[in-house]
Amino acid sequence: MSTDVVRPVVSRDNSYFFEGTASRELRIQRCNACGVLRHPPGPACPNCGALDRGWVVAKGEGTVYSYVVHRAPQVPGKQLPLVIALLDLEEGVRMVAEVTGVPADGPDGLRIGERLVVDWNVIDDELTLPIWRRPEGERQ
């Protein structure tokens, strides 16, 4: 098990998400009572209060709503600067996302409104995390 990466806390509320990433699926929590999607996950539906939750597999595409370039402090297991975006997923939820392959500065840096697709960062046998990138063929 890798010890140089900050590992997420896996709970009953989010275990489906990490089981999905291990299978290369981006899963979004869904209320089985009213159908509302939500991220991050939680125990009760914010729309109807039901505790009956499930999930759907997201398409894995999103649009940059906002972003930051993290330059300090150092994050264990990460090389700085680190580009972090808030993405609007096609399914209607927002997700905080690490972005790879995008310069932190300059004309080829990330832009609000830009489309990104999910990819997978395999940390070790027990942990795979979503990481976002430009679609193939997009500006470099």
Foldseek 3Di string as FASTA:
>chain_A
DDDQADDDDDDPFCVVQFVQLLVPFHKWKAAPVPGDTEPPTDQADPVPRDRRIDIDTAPFKWFFQDKDFCADDDHGPDDPRWIWTWTQGPVGYTDIATEPPADNDDPRHDDGGAMKGWDWDDPDNRGIDIHIYHPPPDGD
